């Protein structure tokens, strides 16, 4: 007969985080262990998902370099460009 036993371990947490977690668990009528287990499962499930492809700048076919107006020093500008391209792709799917 195969039985799965939970293991005991010691986890060190900042006192304020532990206090918040205990209050949340109590408010939801569950154990701190159950709350921590759910949190770990969520984090592990997220890391198993494929990561979003990196934002690549558009390339000028005429010159072979980046399109004019792309600011490589601003990450938010590159994200905005990626968002705009996504919206355009979604328009074409309809």
N, C-alpha and C. Protein backbone atom coordinates (compact mmCIF):
# COMPACT_ATOMS: atom_id res chain seq x y z
N UNK A 1 0.84 -1.17 0.00
CA UNK A 1 0.00 0.00 0.00
C UNK A 1 0.89 1.24 0.00
N UNK A 2 0.67 2.13 -0.95
CA UNK A 2 1.48 3.34 -1.06
C UNK A 2 0.76 4.52 -0.41
N UNK A 3 1.38 5.10 0.57
CA UNK A 3 0.80 6.26 1.26
C UNK A 3 1.74 7.44 1.11
N UNK A 4 1.14 8.59 0.82
CA UNK A 4 1.93 9.81 0.71
C UNK A 4 1.86 10.55 2.04
N UNK A 5 2.99 10.78 2.61
CA UNK A 5 3.05 11.52 3.87
C UNK A 5 3.61 12.91 3.59
N UNK A 6 3.03 13.89 4.21
CA UNK A 6 3.56 15.24 4.09
C UNK A 6 4.83 15.34 4.91
N UNK A 7 5.78 16.10 4.40
CA UNK A 7 7.02 16.31 5.12
C UNK A 7 6.93 17.58 5.94
N UNK A 8 7.65 17.59 7.02
CA UNK A 8 7.75 18.80 7.84
C UNK A 8 9.02 19.53 7.44
N UNK A 9 8.95 20.84 7.49
CA UNK A 9 10.12 21.66 7.19
C UNK A 9 10.01 22.95 7.96
N UNK A 10 11.10 23.65 8.06
CA UNK A 10 11.12 24.95 8.71
C UNK A 10 11.30 26.00 7.63
N UNK A 11 10.46 27.01 7.67
CA UNK A 11 10.54 28.11 6.73
C UNK A 11 10.69 29.39 7.53
N UNK A 12 11.64 30.20 7.17
CA UNK A 12 11.83 31.48 7.85
C UNK A 12 11.19 32.58 7.02
N UNK A 13 10.25 33.31 7.64
CA UNK A 13 9.53 34.38 6.96
C UNK A 13 9.63 35.66 7.78
N UNK A 14 9.57 36.80 7.12
CA UNK A 14 9.52 38.06 7.87
C UNK A 14 8.27 38.06 8.76
N UNK A 15 8.38 38.54 9.98
CA UNK A 15 7.24 38.52 10.91
C UNK A 15 5.97 39.16 10.35
N UNK A 16 6.09 40.25 9.62
CA UNK A 16 4.90 40.90 9.08
C UNK A 16 4.21 40.03 8.03
N UNK A 17 4.99 39.34 7.20
CA UNK A 17 4.41 38.46 6.18
C UNK A 17 3.72 37.26 6.84
N UNK A 18 4.36 36.69 7.83
CA UNK A 18 3.78 35.56 8.55
C UNK A 18 2.47 35.98 9.22
N UNK A 19 2.45 37.14 9.81
CA UNK A 19 1.25 37.64 10.47
C UNK A 19 0.11 37.83 9.47
N UNK A 20 0.43 38.41 8.32
CA UNK A 20 -0.58 38.60 7.27
C UNK A 20 -1.11 37.25 6.79
N UNK A 21 -0.22 36.30 6.60
CA UNK A 21 -0.61 34.98 6.11
C UNK A 21 -1.52 34.28 7.12
N UNK A 22 -1.19 34.37 8.40
CA UNK A 22 -2.02 33.75 9.43
C UNK A 22 -3.41 34.37 9.46
N UNK A 23 -3.47 35.70 9.33
CA UNK A 23 -4.77 36.38 9.34
C UNK A 23 -5.60 35.96 8.13
N UNK A 24 -4.96 35.88 6.96
CA UNK A 24 -5.67 35.49 5.74
C UNK A 24 -6.19 34.06 5.86
N UNK A 25 -5.35 33.16 6.34
CA UNK A 25 -5.76 31.77 6.50
C UNK A 25 -6.94 31.67 7.46
N UNK A 26 -6.87 32.37 8.58
CA UNK A 26 -7.95 32.34 9.56
C UNK A 26 -9.24 32.92 8.98
N UNK A 27 -9.11 34.02 8.24
CA UNK A 27 -10.29 34.66 7.64
C UNK A 27 -10.96 33.74 6.63
N UNK A 28 -10.18 32.88 5.98
CA UNK A 28 -10.71 31.96 4.99
C UNK A 28 -11.06 30.60 5.59
N UNK A 29 -10.86 30.46 6.90
CA UNK A 29 -11.20 29.21 7.57
C UNK A 29 -10.34 28.05 7.16
N UNK A 30 -9.06 28.30 6.96
CA UNK A 30 -8.16 27.22 6.57
C UNK A 30 -6.85 27.33 7.33
N UNK A 31 -5.98 26.37 7.13
CA UNK A 31 -4.72 26.36 7.86
C UNK A 31 -3.67 27.19 7.14
N UNK A 32 -2.67 27.60 7.89
CA UNK A 32 -1.54 28.30 7.29
C UNK A 32 -0.84 27.38 6.29
N UNK A 33 -0.73 26.10 6.62
CA UNK A 33 -0.11 25.13 5.71
C UNK A 33 -0.87 25.09 4.38
N UNK A 34 -2.20 25.08 4.44
CA UNK A 34 -3.01 25.06 3.22
C UNK A 34 -2.79 26.30 2.37
N UNK A 35 -2.69 27.45 3.04
CA UNK A 35 -2.45 28.70 2.32
C UNK A 35 -1.07 28.69 1.64
N UNK A 36 -0.07 28.26 2.37
CA UNK A 36 1.29 28.21 1.81
C UNK A 36 1.35 27.20 0.66
N UNK A 37 0.68 26.06 0.83
CA UNK A 37 0.67 25.04 -0.23
C UNK A 37 0.03 25.59 -1.50
N UNK A 38 -1.10 26.29 -1.36
CA UNK A 38 -1.76 26.87 -2.54
C UNK A 38 -0.85 27.90 -3.21
N UNK A 39 -0.20 28.73 -2.41
CA UNK A 39 0.70 29.74 -2.98
C UNK A 39 1.85 29.11 -3.75
N UNK A 40 2.44 28.07 -3.19
CA UNK A 40 3.53 27.38 -3.88
C UNK A 40 3.05 26.74 -5.18
N UNK A 41 1.87 26.13 -5.14
CA UNK A 41 1.34 25.52 -6.36
C UNK A 41 1.12 26.57 -7.45
N UNK A 42 0.61 27.74 -7.07
CA UNK A 42 0.40 28.81 -8.05
C UNK A 42 1.71 29.28 -8.66
N UNK A 43 2.71 29.48 -7.83
CA UNK A 43 4.01 29.94 -8.32
C UNK A 43 4.64 28.89 -9.23
N UNK A 44 4.55 27.64 -8.85
CA UNK A 44 5.14 26.58 -9.67
C UNK A 44 4.40 26.41 -10.99
N UNK A 45 3.09 26.59 -10.98
CA UNK A 45 2.32 26.50 -12.22
C UNK A 45 2.68 27.65 -13.16
N UNK A 46 2.92 28.82 -12.61
CA UNK A 46 3.29 29.96 -13.45
C UNK A 46 4.65 29.74 -14.10
N UNK A 47 5.60 29.18 -13.36
CA UNK A 47 6.93 28.98 -13.93
C UNK A 47 6.93 27.88 -14.98
N UNK A 48 5.91 27.02 -14.98
CA UNK A 48 5.83 25.95 -15.98
C UNK A 48 5.27 26.45 -17.30
N UNK A 49 4.60 27.61 -17.28
CA UNK A 49 4.02 28.16 -18.51
C UNK A 49 5.14 28.70 -19.39
N UNK A 50 4.97 28.64 -20.69
CA UNK A 50 5.99 29.20 -21.58
C UNK A 50 6.10 30.70 -21.37
N UNK A 51 7.31 31.16 -21.39
CA UNK A 51 7.55 32.58 -21.20
C UNK A 51 7.23 33.35 -22.47
N UNK A 52 6.83 34.61 -22.29
CA UNK A 52 6.52 35.47 -23.43
C UNK A 52 7.79 35.73 -24.22
N UNK A 53 7.67 35.71 -25.52
CA UNK A 53 8.82 35.97 -26.36
C UNK A 53 9.33 37.38 -26.11
N UNK A 54 10.64 37.60 -26.19
CA UNK A 54 11.17 38.94 -25.97
C UNK A 54 10.70 39.90 -27.06
N UNK A 55 10.60 41.15 -26.69
CA UNK A 55 10.19 42.18 -27.64
C UNK A 55 11.35 42.46 -28.58
N UNK A 56 11.12 42.27 -29.85
CA UNK A 56 12.16 42.54 -30.84
C UNK A 56 11.76 43.76 -31.66
N UNK A 57 12.69 44.65 -31.89
CA UNK A 57 12.36 45.85 -32.65
C UNK A 57 12.09 45.54 -34.11
N UNK A 58 11.23 46.34 -34.72
CA UNK A 58 10.98 46.17 -36.15
C UNK A 58 12.22 46.58 -36.93
N UNK A 59 12.45 45.90 -38.03
CA UNK A 59 13.62 46.15 -38.87
C UNK A 59 13.18 46.81 -40.17
N UNK A 60 13.92 47.82 -40.55
CA UNK A 60 13.65 48.53 -41.80
C UNK A 60 14.15 47.66 -42.95
N UNK A 61 13.27 47.36 -43.90
CA UNK A 61 13.67 46.55 -45.05
C UNK A 61 14.56 47.37 -45.99
N UNK A 62 14.40 48.67 -45.96
CA UNK A 62 15.19 49.53 -46.85
C UNK A 62 16.64 49.63 -46.38
N UNK A 63 16.84 49.80 -45.07
CA UNK A 63 18.19 50.03 -44.56
C UNK A 63 18.76 48.86 -43.77
N UNK A 64 17.89 47.92 -43.38
CA UNK A 64 18.37 46.78 -42.62
C UNK A 64 18.57 47.04 -41.14
N UNK A 65 18.32 48.25 -40.68
CA UNK A 65 18.45 48.58 -39.26
C UNK A 65 17.09 48.73 -38.62
N UNK A 66 17.06 49.19 -37.39
CA UNK A 66 15.77 49.38 -36.72
C UNK A 66 14.96 50.48 -37.40
N UNK A 67 13.65 50.36 -37.29
CA UNK A 67 12.76 51.37 -37.85
C UNK A 67 13.03 52.71 -37.17
N UNK A 68 12.86 53.81 -37.88
CA UNK A 68 13.08 55.12 -37.28
C UNK A 68 12.12 55.34 -36.10
N UNK A 69 12.62 56.02 -35.08
CA UNK A 69 11.79 56.37 -33.93
C UNK A 69 11.81 55.37 -32.80
N UNK A 70 12.56 54.27 -32.92
CA UNK A 70 12.62 53.30 -31.84
C UNK A 70 13.71 53.71 -30.86
N UNK A 71 13.30 53.87 -29.61
CA UNK A 71 14.23 54.29 -28.56
C UNK A 71 14.68 53.04 -27.78
N UNK A 72 15.90 52.60 -28.03
CA UNK A 72 16.41 51.40 -27.36
C UNK A 72 16.74 51.63 -25.90
N UNK A 73 16.76 52.88 -25.46
CA UNK A 73 17.07 53.16 -24.05
C UNK A 73 15.82 53.14 -23.18
N UNK A 74 14.64 53.01 -23.78
CA UNK A 74 13.39 53.03 -23.02
C UNK A 74 12.66 51.70 -23.16
N UNK A 75 12.67 50.92 -22.08
CA UNK A 75 11.98 49.63 -22.11
C UNK A 75 10.48 49.83 -22.29
N UNK A 76 9.92 50.87 -21.67
CA UNK A 76 8.47 51.10 -21.80
C UNK A 76 8.10 51.44 -23.24
N UNK A 77 9.00 52.12 -23.97
CA UNK A 77 8.73 52.42 -25.38
C UNK A 77 8.71 51.13 -26.20
N UNK A 78 9.60 50.19 -25.90
CA UNK A 78 9.62 48.91 -26.60
C UNK A 78 8.37 48.10 -26.27
N UNK A 79 7.93 48.14 -25.00
CA UNK A 79 6.71 47.43 -24.61
C UNK A 79 5.49 48.02 -25.33
N UNK A 80 5.45 49.34 -25.42
CA UNK A 80 4.34 50.00 -26.11
C UNK A 80 4.31 49.58 -27.58
N UNK A 81 5.46 49.52 -28.20
CA UNK A 81 5.55 49.08 -29.59
C UNK A 81 5.02 47.66 -29.73
N UNK A 82 5.40 46.79 -28.80
CA UNK A 82 4.93 45.41 -28.82
C UNK A 82 3.41 45.37 -28.65
N UNK A 83 2.86 46.19 -27.76
CA UNK A 83 1.40 46.24 -27.56
C UNK A 83 0.69 46.69 -28.83
N UNK A 84 1.23 47.69 -29.51
CA UNK A 84 0.61 48.18 -30.73
C UNK A 84 0.62 47.11 -31.83
N UNK A 85 1.72 46.39 -31.92
CA UNK A 85 1.80 45.31 -32.92
C UNK A 85 0.81 44.20 -32.58
N UNK A 86 0.64 43.90 -31.30
CA UNK A 86 -0.32 42.88 -30.87
C UNK A 86 -1.74 43.29 -31.27
N UNK A 87 -2.10 44.54 -31.04
CA UNK A 87 -3.43 45.03 -31.40
C UNK A 87 -3.65 44.90 -32.90
N UNK A 88 -2.64 45.22 -33.69
CA UNK A 88 -2.76 45.09 -35.15
C UNK A 88 -2.95 43.64 -35.56
N UNK A 89 -2.22 42.72 -34.93
CA UNK A 89 -2.38 41.29 -35.25
C UNK A 89 -3.78 40.82 -34.91
N UNK A 90 -4.32 41.28 -33.79
CA UNK A 90 -5.66 40.87 -33.38
C UNK A 90 -6.73 41.42 -34.35
N UNK A 91 -6.51 42.59 -34.90
CA UNK A 91 -7.46 43.15 -35.87
C UNK A 91 -7.56 42.26 -37.10
N UNK A 92 -6.44 41.70 -37.51
CA UNK A 92 -6.40 40.87 -38.71
C UNK A 92 -6.98 39.48 -38.50
N UNK A 93 -7.13 39.06 -37.24
CA UNK A 93 -7.69 37.75 -36.95
C UNK A 93 -9.21 37.75 -37.01
N UNK A 94 -9.81 38.92 -36.93
CA UNK A 94 -11.29 39.01 -36.92
C UNK A 94 -11.87 38.81 -38.28
